[in-house]
Amino acid sequence: MAIELNQPALRHARALIRDGKVVRDERDDWSEAAPSAADENAFIEKEGWTEYAHWHLGIDKSQNRETKGAYSFPFGDFRKVRRSGVISGESRAGQYDHDEIRDALKGLLELIDAG
């Protein structure tokens, strides 16, 4: 599994933060804020796989892009960037040596906290 930084998702996250579409919650809030499988399915049904991909900083290009398994490191709830999701993802990316994703998430957190 070769997870890479999903550049379009990073641009999407930065734009949302610049537009103030952020929930400044705490790390522990992510367990409640993260979209459920049903939420994900409803979003994919309505918006499609490309939009779904834009909410995940990790992409495994060896996977079928029309499967959830191709995407990792979600950072929001399909409406806003969640600070809790960014913190959670940064920690997880660091644990699994996804340094580029970890650094991108750290940069997003800095943008959020500067706002």
Protein backbone atom coordinates (compact mmCIF):
# COMPACT_ATOMS: atom_id res chain seq x y z
CA MET A 1 0.00 0.00 0.00
CA ALA A 2 1.63 3.21 -1.19
CA ILE A 3 -0.29 6.09 0.35
CA GLU A 4 0.59 9.47 -1.13
CA LEU A 5 -0.38 13.04 -0.35
CA ASN A 6 -3.56 13.90 -2.24
CA GLN A 7 -2.67 17.36 -3.58
CA PRO A 8 -6.21 18.30 -4.75
CA ALA A 9 -7.50 17.51 -1.25
CA LEU A 10 -4.79 19.68 0.30
CA ARG A 11 -5.77 22.60 -1.95
CA HIS A 12 -9.43 22.01 -1.04
CA ALA A 13 -8.65 22.02 2.69
CA ARG A 14 -6.61 25.23 2.44
CA ALA A 15 -9.41 26.95 0.51
CA LEU A 16 -11.99 25.92 3.08
CA ILE A 17 -9.81 27.23 5.90
CA ARG A 18 -9.23 30.53 4.07
CA ASP A 19 -13.01 30.81 3.62
CA GLY A 20 -13.57 30.28 7.35
CA LYS A 21 -15.23 26.89 6.89
CA VAL A 22 -13.61 25.42 10.00
CA VAL A 23 -14.78 23.93 13.28
CA ARG A 24 -12.16 24.71 15.93
CA ASP A 25 -12.79 21.71 18.11
CA GLU A 26 -10.42 19.57 20.18
CA ARG A 27 -8.73 16.31 19.21
CA ASP A 28 -11.04 14.10 21.25
CA ASP A 29 -14.06 15.51 19.39
CA TRP A 30 -13.07 13.68 16.19
CA SER A 31 -14.55 10.38 17.35
CA GLU A 32 -17.99 12.03 17.35
CA ALA A 33 -17.40 14.40 14.41
CA ALA A 34 -15.94 11.93 11.91
CA PRO A 35 -18.44 10.94 9.21
CA SER A 36 -20.00 7.52 9.70
CA ALA A 37 -20.01 4.89 6.97
CA ALA A 38 -23.63 5.87 6.24
CA ASP A 39 -22.63 9.55 5.99
CA GLU A 40 -19.83 8.62 3.59
CA ASN A 41 -22.15 6.52 1.44
CA ALA A 42 -24.75 9.30 1.27
CA PHE A 43 -22.07 11.84 0.33
CA ILE A 44 -20.65 9.59 -2.42
CA GLU A 45 -24.15 8.95 -3.77
CA LYS A 46 -24.92 12.68 -3.92
CA GLU A 47 -21.52 14.21 -4.82
CA GLY A 48 -19.47 11.41 -6.38
CA TRP A 49 -16.04 9.91 -5.86
CA THR A 50 -14.03 12.97 -6.90
CA GLU A 51 -15.65 15.12 -4.23
CA TYR A 52 -15.21 12.31 -1.69
CA ALA A 53 -11.50 12.19 -2.56
CA HIS A 54 -11.22 15.93 -1.88
CA TRP A 55 -11.93 15.27 1.82
CA HIS A 56 -8.99 12.84 2.30
CA LEU A 57 -5.32 13.81 2.36
CA GLY A 58 -4.14 10.25 1.70
CA ILE A 59 -4.62 8.41 -1.57
CA ASP A 60 -3.45 4.95 -2.55
CA LYS A 61 -3.23 5.09 -6.34
CA SER A 62 -2.82 1.32 -6.55
CA GLN A 63 -6.43 0.95 -5.32
CA ASN A 64 -9.59 1.38 -7.37
CA ARG A 65 -10.44 5.08 -7.02
CA GLU A 66 -14.10 4.24 -6.70
CA THR A 67 -13.60 2.44 -3.40
CA LYS A 68 -13.24 3.90 0.07
CA GLY A 69 -10.06 1.85 0.51
CA ALA A 70 -8.23 4.21 -1.84
CA TYR A 71 -8.61 7.14 0.58
CA SER A 72 -7.29 7.86 4.05
CA PHE A 73 -6.64 10.72 6.43
CA PRO A 74 -10.02 12.49 6.36
CA PHE A 75 -9.94 16.03 7.74
CA GLY A 76 -13.56 17.15 7.81
CA ASP A 77 -17.23 16.33 7.91
CA PHE A 78 -18.03 17.05 4.23
CA ARG A 79 -19.06 20.60 5.16
CA LYS A 80 -16.17 22.04 7.14
CA VAL A 81 -12.60 21.24 8.08
CA ARG A 82 -12.56 19.87 11.61
CA ARG A 83 -9.55 20.84 13.73
CA SER A 84 -10.02 17.54 15.55
CA GLY A 85 -9.71 15.59 12.30
CA VAL A 86 -6.56 17.45 11.33
CA ILE A 87 -4.93 16.74 14.72
CA SER A 88 -5.98 13.10 14.66
CA GLY A 89 -4.70 12.63 11.12
CA GLU A 90 -1.39 14.35 11.87
CA SER A 91 -0.78 12.00 14.78
CA ARG A 92 -1.74 8.89 12.79
CA ALA A 93 0.36 9.93 9.78
CA GLY A 94 3.35 10.37 12.06
CA GLN A 95 2.82 6.95 13.63
CA TYR A 96 2.86 5.25 10.23
CA ASP A 97 5.72 7.27 8.72
CA HIS A 98 3.62 9.16 6.18
CA ASP A 99 5.82 12.20 6.63
CA GLU A 100 4.51 14.24 3.70
CA ILE A 101 0.91 13.81 4.86
CA ARG A 102 1.90 14.52 8.48
CA ASP A 103 3.63 17.74 7.42
CA ALA A 104 0.66 18.82 5.28
CA LEU A 105 -1.70 18.26 8.21
CA LYS A 106 0.63 20.20 10.51
CA GLY A 107 0.51 23.09 8.03
CA LEU A 108 -3.30 22.94 7.99
CA LEU A 109 -3.37 23.02 11.79
CA GLU A 110 -1.12 26.09 11.76
CA LEU A 111 -3.49 27.80 9.30
CA ILE A 112 -6.48 26.97 11.49
CA ASP A 113 -4.82 28.17 14.68
CA ALA A 114 -3.61 31.39 13.03
CA GLY A 115 -7.17 32.29 11.98
